[in-house]
Amino acid sequence: MSYRVVVIGAGFGGIGMAIALQRAGLKNFVVLDRADELGGTWRDNSYPGLTCDIPSQLYSFSFRPWRWSRRFPARDEILAYLHALVAEHGLGPRLRFGHGVTTAEFDADRALWTLTLDDGSTLEATAVVCAVGQLGHPVLPDIPGREEFAGPSWHSARWNHEVDLAGRRVAVIGTGASAIQFVPEIAKVAGHVDVYQRSAPYVLPKADRPYRDAEQAIFDRLPVVRKADRLRTFLYGELLTSGLVLSPKLLAAPMVLWRRQLRTAIADPELRARCVPEYVMGCKRVVFSNDWYPALTRPDVELVTDPIERIVPDGVVTTDGATRPADVIIYGTGFRATQFLTPMQVTGRDGGRLDQAWRDGAHAYLGITIAGFPNFFMLYGPNTNLGGNSIIYMLEGQIGYVLGALRALQAQRLAWLDVRPDVQDSFNAWVQSASRASVWESGCHNWYTTASGRNTNNWPDHTFMYRYRVRRFDLAAYRVMPDHRVPASPGAVPA
């Protein structure tokens, strides 16, 4: 089977790309996903209390606003939005579930990508759009004895709903964004919860509440009001971004909110001290919650800050010699975010392997294209993650850029286009230079950077500047190969 475009991943990026292709009349495409249904990270994660930490008005495509029930949408509402998009645009026949891609190999002579699926079958494509995201591969910590634990255990991204936590002693390892949400929920039913913290997070108040009927009526009758609320949310996010990429001094207001919430929620000075991070705000992901600090004050919840020495069949041993019994262990220990397309193997021109090209850290031009890998595009690729605004806003810019590239292939009668190495190198030199001024390289260990300290994940500027850079596709930044199988049109760019 041969397609004009194969999209890998049926989350926000893949669904958005499919809609753009269909609207543009490029109908010979398919969307593949390894799972049995759409949704990406919102499908994979199903832990109690899961909600978005981006306000709902900004967590939708600009071309399709949604009637959200509250200011911060829950998982089920987000999945309902994605399903509605698929239904409205008739994308069902384009989706192929249970089709994971193991290898992608480019044939320069035929100007085609051959994709091998996990069942051993293959298909071909002129162009590949990889929309697998950055948060798809959970990390389990390398703790001695982890495999020896006798009770049930799981990562928060693979929640085991068959285990009843009522009355059980639960050990939660990790205090990242997921744990901030599910710990307050499981604490309501568990007999006791031990929360093992390596480093304290910055937790800001979450201005969440249901939308009132009057507000919904205004949004429905006056769409401009909904757009204004979306703009307000966006500008607030850009203000937060200024503190992340320009100077931590600009985070003074968020710091005041954090201190006030911590002081108000936790009266015990010793517990409060253990909740104070030892790094600059934003170096690790800033999280939003109104019930995290109150949950830590419950008599049946203990915040453990002593490092874990090992796990034993019936509990967790810390370096102070204490053994805390546990019936269940839940790991809120994040993802292999810097590995991107792993475990898919990608081979480009002249047999070049992507894992070799990325041996010192993932990089791409605008986070979208990679030198040596023609007609291969990424959504939510290297250096397009954010610390203070909506990924959906970023995705819309990337989708438009990829669509521009596909149109150029067709209009200029090109077999392939491949970003020039000097263009890519110049862009990534700027990324690393700009990153040095950001809070992400201020000294803490985070999932945005490699072990060597290279920022491979985050965009080191304001999001509107990214949208400005991808506002149009610039063919001059690419090497091209004319398609000799069809007559070249006037103005075609030589290789």
Protein backbone atom coordinates (compact mmCIF):
# COMPACT_ATOMS: atom_id res chain seq x y z
CA MET A 1 0.00 0.00 0.00
CA SER A 2 1.37 3.42 -0.96
CA TYR A 3 0.29 6.80 0.40
CA ARG A 4 1.12 10.40 -0.27
CA VAL A 5 1.42 11.02 3.49
CA VAL A 6 1.58 8.70 6.50
CA VAL A 7 0.94 10.31 9.87
CA ILE A 8 2.25 8.37 12.90
CA GLY A 9 0.31 9.03 16.10
CA ALA A 10 -3.37 9.81 16.72
CA GLY A 11 -3.12 12.35 19.50
CA PHE A 12 -3.62 16.10 19.15
CA GLY A 13 -0.78 16.44 16.62
CA GLY A 14 -1.83 13.55 14.41
CA ILE A 15 -5.54 14.45 14.42
CA GLY A 16 -4.75 18.12 13.74
CA MET A 17 -2.46 17.14 10.85
CA ALA A 18 -5.12 14.85 9.39
CA ILE A 19 -7.69 17.66 9.46
CA ALA A 20 -5.24 20.02 7.73
CA LEU A 21 -4.48 17.44 5.02
CA GLN A 22 -8.14 16.82 4.38
CA ARG A 23 -8.95 20.52 4.22
CA ALA A 24 -6.11 21.03 1.74
CA GLY A 25 -7.44 18.32 -0.53
CA LEU A 26 -4.44 16.00 0.09
CA LYS A 27 -6.61 12.95 0.64
CA ASN A 28 -4.19 10.08 -0.01
CA PHE A 29 -3.07 9.74 3.61
CA VAL A 30 -3.46 7.48 6.61
CA VAL A 31 -2.98 7.93 10.37
CA LEU A 32 -1.31 5.04 12.21
CA ASP A 33 -1.30 4.46 15.96
CA ARG A 34 0.14 1.61 18.04
CA ALA A 35 -2.80 1.65 20.45
CA ASP A 36 -6.39 0.54 19.97
CA GLU A 37 -7.89 4.02 20.05
CA LEU A 38 -7.00 7.67 19.58
CA GLY A 39 -5.91 10.15 22.22
CA GLY A 40 -2.15 9.97 22.64
CA THR A 41 -1.02 10.83 26.15
CA TRP A 42 -4.64 11.49 27.18
CA ARG A 43 -5.46 7.93 26.18
CA ASP A 44 -2.43 6.38 27.87
CA ASN A 45 -2.81 8.24 31.17
CA SER A 46 -5.94 7.49 33.18
CA TYR A 47 -4.92 8.04 36.79
CA PRO A 48 -7.38 9.48 39.33
CA GLY A 49 -7.62 13.26 39.27
CA LEU A 50 -6.15 13.66 35.78
CA THR A 51 -6.84 17.13 34.42
CA CYS A 52 -5.05 19.53 32.11
CA ASP A 53 -2.89 22.24 33.65
CA ILE A 54 -3.53 24.57 30.69
CA PRO A 55 -6.83 26.52 30.87
CA SER A 56 -9.46 24.93 28.66
CA GLN A 57 -10.05 27.88 26.33
CA LEU A 58 -6.46 27.57 25.12
CA TYR A 59 -6.43 23.77 25.04
CA SER A 60 -8.26 23.46 21.74
CA PHE A 61 -7.51 24.23 18.12
CA SER A 62 -8.28 27.81 17.14
CA PHE A 63 -10.46 26.60 14.27
CA ARG A 64 -12.63 24.52 16.62
CA PRO A 65 -13.43 26.04 20.02
CA TRP A 66 -15.22 23.79 22.49
CA ARG A 67 -17.92 24.14 25.15
CA TRP A 68 -15.76 23.13 28.11
CA SER A 69 -17.52 22.52 31.42
CA ARG A 70 -14.81 24.12 33.55
CA ARG A 71 -11.69 26.26 33.37
CA PHE A 72 -9.29 23.31 33.45
CA PRO A 73 -10.58 20.32 31.47
CA ALA A 74 -10.55 16.76 32.77
CA ARG A 75 -9.24 13.83 30.76
CA ASP A 76 -12.66 12.61 29.63
CA GLU A 77 -13.60 16.00 28.21
CA ILE A 78 -10.34 16.24 26.28
CA LEU A 79 -10.85 12.79 24.78
CA ALA A 80 -14.43 13.74 23.90
CA TYR A 81 -13.07 16.78 22.07
CA LEU A 82 -10.69 14.65 20.00
CA HIS A 83 -13.41 12.14 19.18
CA ALA A 84 -15.68 15.00 18.10
CA LEU A 85 -12.99 16.34 15.77
CA VAL A 86 -12.63 12.92 14.15
CA ALA A 87 -16.41 12.58 13.71
CA GLU A 88 -16.91 16.12 12.38
CA HIS A 89 -14.22 15.68 9.73
CA GLY A 90 -15.04 12.10 8.84
CA LEU A 91 -11.56 10.87 9.72
CA GLY A 92 -12.61 7.44 10.94
CA PRO A 93 -11.68 5.61 7.70
CA ARG A 94 -8.25 7.29 7.79
CA LEU A 95 -7.31 5.90 11.19
CA ARG A 96 -5.47 2.59 11.58
CA PHE A 97 -5.21 1.43 15.18
CA GLY A 98 -2.97 -1.35 16.44
CA HIS A 99 -0.37 -0.38 13.84
CA GLY A 100 2.89 0.59 15.53
CA VAL A 101 5.83 1.56 13.30
CA THR A 102 9.11 -0.20 14.08
CA THR A 103 11.30 1.09 11.23
CA ALA A 104 11.20 3.83 8.62
CA GLU A 105 13.69 3.71 5.75
CA PHE A 106 14.11 6.21 2.92
CA ASP A 107 14.80 5.01 -0.62
CA ALA A 108 16.45 7.94 -2.41
CA ASP A 109 16.18 6.34 -5.87
CA ARG A 110 12.41 5.93 -5.56
CA ALA A 111 11.92 8.94 -3.26
CA LEU A 112 9.77 6.84 -0.95
CA TRP A 113 9.71 5.93 2.72
CA THR A 114 9.14 2.28 3.58
CA LEU A 115 7.53 1.80 6.97
CA THR A 116 7.65 -1.57 8.68
CA LEU A 117 4.84 -2.17 11.14
CA ASP A 118 5.06 -4.23 14.31
CA ASP A 119 3.18 -7.10 12.63
CA GLY A 120 5.88 -7.30 9.95
CA SER A 121 3.81 -5.73 7.17
CA THR A 122 5.04 -2.70 5.23
CA LEU A 123 3.64 0.34 3.49
CA GLU A 124 5.16 3.19 1.49
CA ALA A 125 4.81 6.94 1.69
CA THR A 126 6.12 9.98 -0.12
CA ALA A 127 6.18 11.88 3.19
CA VAL A 128 6.05 10.89 6.85
CA VAL A 129 4.70 13.08 9.63
CA CYS A 130 5.69 11.74 13.04
CA ALA A 131 3.36 12.94 15.80
CA VAL A 132 4.23 10.57 18.63
CA GLY A 133 4.89 13.30 21.21
CA GLN A 134 7.46 13.52 23.99
CA LEU A 135 5.68 11.83 26.88
CA GLY A 136 4.97 8.32 25.65
CA HIS A 137 7.68 6.21 27.30
CA PRO A 138 7.33 5.94 31.10
CA VAL A 139 10.46 5.67 33.22
CA LEU A 140 10.74 3.22 36.09
CA PRO A 141 13.56 4.17 38.47
CA ASP A 142 16.65 2.02 38.83
CA ILE A 143 16.13 1.22 42.51
CA PRO A 144 17.69 -1.97 43.92
CA GLY A 145 15.06 -4.58 44.69
CA ARG A 146 12.35 -3.01 42.54
CA GLU A 147 11.52 -6.35 40.91
CA GLU A 148 11.37 -8.07 44.29
CA PHE A 149 8.34 -6.19 45.57
CA ALA A 150 5.61 -8.72 46.36
CA GLY A 151 2.57 -6.51 45.87
CA PRO A 152 1.15 -4.80 42.78
CA SER A 153 3.12 -1.88 41.34
CA TRP A 154 2.80 0.31 38.27
CA HIS A 155 3.75 3.59 36.65
CA SER A 156 1.12 6.31 36.83
CA ALA A 157 0.94 6.39 33.02
CA ARG A 158 -0.14 2.73 33.02
CA TRP A 159 -2.65 2.85 35.85
CA ASN A 160 -3.91 -0.49 37.15
CA HIS A 161 -7.62 0.10 37.74
CA GLU A 162 -8.16 -3.50 38.86
CA VAL A 163 -6.39 -2.88 42.18
CA ASP A 164 -8.62 -1.48 44.92
CA LEU A 165 -6.59 0.94 47.04
CA ALA A 166 -9.20 1.19 49.80
CA GLY A 167 -7.52 0.68 53.16
CA ARG A 168 -4.16 -0.23 51.58
CA ARG A 169 -0.74 1.18 52.43
CA VAL A 170 0.45 2.89 49.26
CA ALA A 171 3.99 4.05 48.49
CA VAL A 172 4.17 6.79 45.86
CA ILE A 173 7.63 7.34 44.44
CA GLY A 174 8.04 10.72 42.77
CA THR A 175 6.44 14.13 43.15
CA GLY A 176 6.12 15.31 39.56
CA ALA A 177 3.08 16.66 37.73
CA SER A 178 1.20 13.33 37.74
CA ALA A 179 1.73 12.62 41.43
CA ILE A 180 0.57 16.14 42.28
CA GLN A 181 -2.80 15.19 40.80
CA PHE A 182 -3.32 11.59 41.86
CA VAL A 183 -1.95 11.64 45.42
CA PRO A 184 -4.77 13.85 46.79
CA GLU A 185 -7.28 11.50 45.15
CA ILE A 186 -5.90 8.18 46.38
CA ALA A 187 -5.33 9.65 49.85
CA LYS A 188 -9.12 9.85 50.17
CA VAL A 189 -9.46 6.06 50.03
CA ALA A 190 -6.10 4.51 50.94
CA GLY A 191 -5.33 3.46 54.49
CA HIS A 192 -2.00 5.29 54.41
CA VAL A 193 0.13 6.97 51.73
CA ASP A 194 3.90 7.47 51.90
CA VAL A 195 5.08 10.02 49.34
CA TYR A 196 8.79 9.68 48.52
CA GLN A 197 10.17 13.01 47.35
CA ARG A 198 13.57 13.54 45.76
CA SER A 199 13.06 17.25 45.11
CA ALA A 200 10.16 19.48 46.04
CA PRO A 201 8.04 20.98 43.23
CA TYR A 202 6.83 24.54 42.90
CA VAL A 203 3.05 24.31 43.23
CA LEU A 204 0.98 27.32 42.20
CA PRO A 205 -2.74 27.81 42.91
CA LYS A 206 -5.05 26.44 40.23
CA ALA A 207 -7.83 28.85 39.36
CA ASP A 208 -10.23 26.07 38.49
CA ARG A 209 -14.01 26.07 38.74
CA PRO A 210 -17.01 25.07 36.63
CA TYR A 211 -18.23 27.59 34.09
CA ARG A 212 -21.53 29.15 35.13
CA ASP A 213 -24.58 28.82 32.90
CA ALA A 214 -24.49 32.57 32.24
CA GLU A 215 -20.86 32.37 31.11
CA GLN A 216 -21.63 29.48 28.78
CA ALA A 217 -24.53 31.40 27.30
CA ILE A 218 -22.29 34.42 26.63
CA PHE A 219 -19.62 32.22 25.05
CA ASP A 220 -22.25 30.59 22.83
CA ARG A 221 -23.91 33.82 21.70
CA LEU A 222 -20.80 35.99 21.52
CA PRO A 223 -17.85 33.94 20.20
CA VAL A 224 -15.67 37.04 20.42
CA VAL A 225 -15.88 36.80 24.22
CA ARG A 226 -14.55 33.23 24.09
CA LYS A 227 -11.73 34.43 21.83
CA ALA A 228 -10.95 37.25 24.25
CA ASP A 229 -10.73 34.79 27.13
CA ARG A 230 -8.42 32.65 25.02
CA LEU A 231 -6.22 35.67 24.29
CA ARG A 232 -6.13 36.63 27.98
CA THR A 233 -5.01 33.13 28.89
CA PHE A 234 -2.36 33.17 26.17
CA LEU A 235 -0.92 36.49 27.33
CA TYR A 236 -0.75 35.26 30.92
CA GLY A 237 1.20 32.26 29.70
CA GLU A 238 3.59 34.50 27.80
CA LEU A 239 4.21 36.52 30.96
CA LEU A 240 5.14 33.31 32.77
CA THR A 241 7.36 32.36 29.83
CA SER A 242 9.22 35.66 30.16
CA GLY A 243 10.40 34.59 33.60
CA LEU A 244 11.54 31.23 32.22
CA VAL A 245 13.49 32.45 29.19
CA LEU A 246 14.53 36.03 30.04
CA SER A 247 15.10 36.39 33.78
CA PRO A 248 13.87 34.64 36.95
CA LYS A 249 13.30 38.10 38.38
CA LEU A 250 10.18 38.23 36.21
CA LEU A 251 8.78 35.32 38.25
CA ALA A 252 8.34 37.52 41.31
CA ALA A 253 4.53 37.43 41.12
CA PRO A 254 4.29 33.62 40.77
CA MET A 255 6.76 33.28 43.64
CA VAL A 256 4.45 35.37 45.84
CA LEU A 257 1.51 33.10 44.93
CA TRP A 258 3.53 30.00 45.71
CA ARG A 259 4.74 31.27 49.08
CA ARG A 260 1.24 32.38 50.07
CA GLN A 261 -0.28 29.03 49.19
CA LEU A 262 2.45 27.10 50.99
CA ARG A 263 2.20 29.24 54.12
CA THR A 264 -1.60 29.09 54.18
CA ALA A 265 -1.93 25.36 53.52
CA ILE A 266 0.84 24.00 55.76
CA ALA A 267 1.08 25.21 59.35
CA ASP A 268 3.79 22.78 60.45
CA PRO A 269 7.10 24.61 59.88
CA GLU A 270 9.08 21.36 59.57
CA LEU A 271 6.78 19.96 56.86
CA ARG A 272 6.67 23.33 55.15
CA ALA A 273 10.46 23.44 55.01
CA ARG A 274 10.54 20.08 53.26
CA CYS A 275 8.20 21.50 50.59
CA VAL A 276 10.58 24.30 49.64
CA PRO A 277 12.44 23.59 46.37
CA GLU A 278 16.20 24.02 46.24
CA TYR A 279 16.26 25.36 42.69
CA VAL A 280 15.02 28.33 40.69
CA MET A 281 11.31 28.30 39.87
CA GLY A 282 10.78 26.81 36.43
CA CYS A 283 14.00 24.80 36.28
CA LYS A 284 11.71 21.83 36.81
CA ARG A 285 8.12 21.85 35.64
CA VAL A 286 5.89 24.26 37.57
CA VAL A 287 2.67 22.53 38.58
CA PHE A 288 -0.78 23.80 39.54
CA SER A 289 -2.89 22.39 42.34
CA ASN A 290 -5.10 23.52 45.21
CA ASP A 291 -5.09 20.21 47.05
CA TRP A 292 -1.46 18.99 46.96
CA TYR A 293 -0.29 20.82 50.07
CA PRO A 294 -3.48 20.05 52.04
CA ALA A 295 -3.06 16.36 51.12
CA LEU A 296 0.42 16.35 52.67
CA THR A 297 -1.03 17.57 55.97
CA ARG A 298 -3.39 14.62 56.31
CA PRO A 299 -2.59 12.31 59.26
CA ASP A 300 -2.64 9.32 56.90
CA VAL A 301 -0.10 10.85 54.48
CA GLU A 302 3.65 11.13 55.14
CA LEU A 303 6.10 13.07 53.01
CA VAL A 304 9.37 11.13 53.01
CA THR A 305 12.46 13.05 51.95
CA ASP A 306 15.13 10.55 52.98
CA PRO A 307 16.57 8.91 49.83
CA ILE A 308 15.41 5.40 48.98
CA GLU A 309 18.08 2.77 49.52
CA ARG A 310 16.19 -0.24 48.21
CA ILE A 311 12.81 -1.86 47.80
CA VAL A 312 12.03 -5.05 49.70
CA PRO A 313 9.14 -7.48 49.15
CA ASP A 314 6.93 -5.76 51.72
CA GLY A 315 7.99 -2.13 51.55
CA VAL A 316 10.59 0.58 51.01
CA VAL A 317 13.86 1.07 52.88
CA THR A 318 15.36 4.56 53.10
CA THR A 319 18.96 5.53 53.81
CA ASP A 320 18.14 6.39 57.43
CA GLY A 321 17.52 2.68 57.99
CA ALA A 322 13.74 2.93 58.27
CA THR A 323 11.53 0.37 56.54
CA ARG A 324 8.06 1.59 55.67
CA PRO A 325 5.60 -1.18 54.81
CA ALA A 326 3.68 -0.97 51.54
CA ASP A 327 0.95 -3.04 49.91
CA VAL A 328 1.14 -1.15 46.62
CA ILE A 329 3.82 0.96 44.93
CA ILE A 330 2.93 3.63 42.36
CA TYR A 331 5.73 5.27 40.36
CA GLY A 332 5.21 8.89 39.38
CA THR A 333 8.68 9.06 37.90
CA GLY A 334 8.13 10.69 34.53
CA PHE A 335 9.10 9.77 30.99
CA ARG A 336 12.05 9.25 28.68
CA ALA A 337 11.26 12.59 27.11
CA THR A 338 14.68 13.20 25.53
CA GLN A 339 14.54 9.97 23.49
CA PHE A 340 11.69 11.16 21.23
CA LEU A 341 11.09 8.58 18.48
CA THR A 342 12.44 5.59 20.44
CA PRO A 343 12.08 2.66 19.79
CA MET A 344 11.35 3.39 16.11
CA GLN A 345 14.47 3.13 13.93
CA VAL A 346 14.69 5.77 11.21
CA THR A 347 17.14 5.53 8.30
CA GLY A 348 17.51 8.45 5.90
CA ARG A 349 19.64 9.33 2.87
CA ASP A 350 22.82 7.31 2.28
CA GLY A 351 21.90 4.95 5.11
CA GLY A 352 22.19 7.59 7.82
CA ARG A 353 20.61 6.50 11.12
CA LEU A 354 18.67 8.99 13.19
CA ASP A 355 19.89 7.49 16.45
CA GLN A 356 23.45 8.19 15.30
CA ALA A 357 22.61 11.72 14.17
CA TRP A 358 21.14 12.28 17.63
CA ARG A 359 23.86 10.56 19.65
CA ASP A 360 24.71 13.87 21.37
CA GLY A 361 21.06 14.84 21.81
CA ALA A 362 18.01 15.24 19.61
CA HIS A 363 17.86 18.30 17.38
CA ALA A 364 15.91 19.44 14.33
CA TYR A 365 15.28 22.58 12.30
CA LEU A 366 12.34 24.34 13.99
CA GLY A 367 11.78 21.02 15.76
CA ILE A 368 10.22 19.76 12.52
CA THR A 369 12.79 18.63 9.92
CA ILE A 370 16.16 16.87 10.17
CA ALA A 371 19.06 17.14 7.71
CA GLY A 372 19.57 13.85 5.89
CA PHE A 373 15.98 12.69 6.31
CA PRO A 374 14.00 14.01 3.33
CA ASN A 375 10.22 14.39 3.49
CA PHE A 376 10.29 13.41 7.15
CA PHE A 377 8.53 15.79 9.53
CA MET A 378 7.89 15.89 13.25
CA LEU A 379 5.18 17.51 15.34
CA TYR A 380 6.08 18.31 18.96
CA GLY A 381 9.67 17.44 18.12
CA PRO A 382 12.95 18.60 19.72
CA ASN A 383 12.88 22.04 21.39
CA THR A 384 9.15 22.61 20.94
CA ASN A 385 8.00 21.79 24.47
CA LEU A 386 6.87 24.66 26.69
CA GLY A 387 7.07 25.64 30.31
CA GLY A 388 4.34 28.25 30.37
CA ASN A 389 1.82 27.99 27.54
CA SER A 390 -0.21 25.67 25.32
CA ILE A 391 1.32 22.94 23.16
CA ILE A 392 -1.81 23.08 20.98
CA TYR A 393 -0.82 26.61 19.95
CA MET A 394 2.61 25.31 18.97
CA LEU A 395 1.15 22.36 17.10
CA GLU A 396 -1.02 24.59 14.94
CA GLY A 397 2.08 26.44 13.75
CA GLN A 398 3.92 23.19 13.04
CA ILE A 399 0.98 21.70 11.16
CA GLY A 400 0.78 24.78 8.95
CA TYR A 401 4.51 24.59 8.25
CA VAL A 402 4.37 20.89 7.30
CA LEU A 403 1.38 21.56 5.08
CA GLY A 404 3.41 24.28 3.36
CA ALA A 405 6.21 21.80 2.73
CA LEU A 406 3.81 19.25 1.25
CA ARG A 407 2.31 21.91 -1.00
CA ALA A 408 5.82 22.89 -2.15
CA LEU A 409 6.56 19.27 -3.05
CA GLN A 410 3.47 19.18 -5.21
CA ALA A 411 3.64 22.65 -6.73
CA GLN A 412 7.34 22.48 -7.59
CA ARG A 413 7.14 18.86 -8.82
CA LEU A 414 9.76 17.74 -6.31
CA ALA A 415 10.67 14.18 -5.42
CA TRP A 416 11.94 15.27 -2.01
CA LEU A 417 13.14 18.16 0.09
CA ASP A 418 15.76 18.00 2.83
CA VAL A 419 16.71 20.83 5.21
CA ARG A 420 20.19 22.17 4.54
CA PRO A 421 22.71 21.17 7.24
CA ASP A 422 24.00 24.72 7.60
CA VAL A 423 20.46 26.01 8.17
CA GLN A 424 19.83 23.35 10.79
CA ASP A 425 23.18 23.94 12.49
CA SER A 426 22.62 27.69 12.64
CA PHE A 427 19.17 27.24 14.14
CA ASN A 428 20.35 24.78 16.77
CA ALA A 429 23.33 26.95 17.68
CA TRP A 430 20.83 29.70 18.42
CA VAL A 431 18.67 27.29 20.46
CA GLN A 432 21.58 26.30 22.68
CA SER A 433 22.77 29.89 23.03
CA ALA A 434 19.30 31.09 24.01
CA SER A 435 18.86 28.15 26.37
CA ARG A 436 21.85 29.23 28.46
CA ALA A 437 19.86 32.24 29.64
CA SER A 438 16.83 30.14 30.60
CA VAL A 439 15.95 28.73 34.00
CA TRP A 440 16.18 25.18 32.57
CA GLU A 441 19.96 25.44 32.59
CA SER A 442 20.23 27.04 36.02
CA GLY A 443 21.62 23.94 37.69
CA CYS A 444 18.83 21.50 38.53
CA HIS A 445 18.27 18.06 37.02
CA ASN A 446 15.18 18.06 34.81
CA TRP A 447 13.65 16.07 31.94
CA TYR A 448 14.21 18.88 29.44
CA THR A 449 17.95 18.31 29.18
CA THR A 450 20.31 15.42 28.49
CA ALA A 451 22.84 14.12 31.00
CA SER A 452 25.40 16.49 29.45
CA GLY A 453 23.11 19.46 30.06
CA ARG A 454 21.96 20.01 26.46
CA ASN A 455 18.42 21.36 26.16
CA THR A 456 16.72 19.01 23.71
CA ASN A 457 13.08 19.58 24.63
CA ASN A 458 12.12 23.16 25.42
CA TRP A 459 11.58 26.17 23.18
CA PRO A 460 13.86 28.88 24.64
CA ASP A 461 11.73 31.88 23.68
CA HIS A 462 8.15 33.11 23.71
CA THR A 463 5.63 30.99 21.85
CA PHE A 464 4.55 33.82 19.57
CA MET A 465 8.14 33.98 18.32
CA TYR A 466 7.95 30.31 17.38
CA ARG A 467 4.73 30.92 15.46
CA TYR A 468 6.45 33.81 13.70
CA ARG A 469 9.32 31.55 12.63
CA VAL A 470 7.00 28.87 11.21
CA ARG A 471 4.48 31.29 9.69
CA ARG A 472 5.45 30.16 6.19
CA PHE A 473 7.47 27.37 4.63
CA ASP A 474 10.80 28.64 3.21
CA LEU A 475 11.92 26.35 0.39
CA ALA A 476 15.27 28.16 0.20
CA ALA A 477 16.22 26.51 3.50
CA TYR A 478 16.05 23.09 1.83
CA ARG A 479 17.95 20.98 -0.65
CA VAL A 480 15.55 19.56 -3.21
CA MET A 481 15.41 16.86 -5.84
CA PRO A 482 13.17 17.45 -8.88
CA ASP A 483 10.82 14.63 -9.68
CA HIS A 484 11.90 13.55 -13.15
CA ARG A 485 8.84 11.39 -13.48
CA VAL A 486 6.75 14.51 -14.17
CA PRO A 487 7.49 17.76 -16.07
CA ALA A 488 8.96 20.49 -13.86
CA SER A 489 6.82 23.58 -13.49
CA PRO A 490 8.24 27.09 -14.02
CA GLY A 491 10.17 28.38 -11.05
CA ALA A 492 11.22 24.97 -9.75
CA VAL A 493 14.23 25.19 -7.45
CA PRO A 494 17.27 23.13 -8.56
CA ALA A 495 18.92 20.61 -6.24
